[in-house]
Amino acid sequence: MQNPILQKAPEWNILGVLKWTTGYFADHHVDSPRLTAEILLAETLGIDRVGLYVRFDQPLTEDERQRFRSLVKRRIRKEPVSYIIGRRDFWKISLAVTPDVLIPRPDTEIIVEAALDLMPVPMEKPLRFLDMGTGSGAIAISLAHSFPGPLYFASDISPNALRIAAGNAVLNGVADRVAFFASRWFDAVSAACAFDMIVSNPPYIPSGQIPHLAPEITDYEPVLALDGDGDGLRDIAVLVSEGPGFLVPGGIMILEIGHDQKPAVEKLAKSQPNWADIAFRKDYAGHDRAVVLRRR
């Protein structure tokens, strides 16, 4: 049977297509079926979602129905909406995203908030800021956009991620404020270039949990950015143990962590004598989502 979206029927105007697709997504257990239908249809038509509501009676052309159907099929296969449309809003910016980078989550905005809260104002000298495992560049670019004073650096082990992040810096008008470079954590960083602040959203999901995550994650997002090894703490442990050597005295490290990892991360931090202060920040759901460490 032909997909109704492709039929040349009078009811397949914008409103009719939205109603049908919402039900279709609901039947296939797609999250937020109406919102998803609106985002994909707006993308197909090259308008924003508000534009849909002022054009409810507008019929779709055959070409538009074909293009919309291809997006619907991708979402039914559990491909994330952000990869389908190629972008994701984060903080106060918009970022291009592909399967080479993790899709930025609202939880990670906690890192941006904490960093902005802790930026000294006024600055006595230009601060040096490092975002490690930058991915799409979400944290560094958000900070450079909101707080243009510091010297921003951002690293990643993936050349494709760095390419996307650099493009996002251009897209958001901060390409002259953020320097990107390849490194696995501190491997390519000189201790002679101590930073005032280091932030990271490292991989922190235990390996055994990854196969049980939603297919949108396991089938599409880069496992390199997710897998924190057996207990999820492999990369967090590297950052916590080596971080003091790359910070100025009084410098700050902010790391995103798993919602249940506070006790283990606190234990790791307390085992390092160079951390003077250890604090945690909660996400919007009330979970401990970030650890804030200050070097002695």
Foldseek 3Di string as FASTA:
>chain_A
DDDPLQDPDQLQFLQSQLVVQLVVCVVLVQPPRSVLLLLLLCLLVVHHSVVSVVRRNHHDDNVSSVSSVVLSVCVSVVADPCQSSQWDDEDPAIFGDHLQFDHDDNQCVVVLVVVVVPDDPPDPAAFEEEEEQCQQVRNQLNNCLVPVRHQAEYEHQDPVSQVRNCVRCVVSVNNVRYHYDYDDPCPPPDLVQAGQEYEYAAAQDAPVCLVVDDCNPNVRHDVRRHYLYHRSCNVVLVCLQCVLSRHDQFGKYKYFYDLPCVVVSVVSNVVHPQWPDWDFDAGPVGGGTMIMTTGD
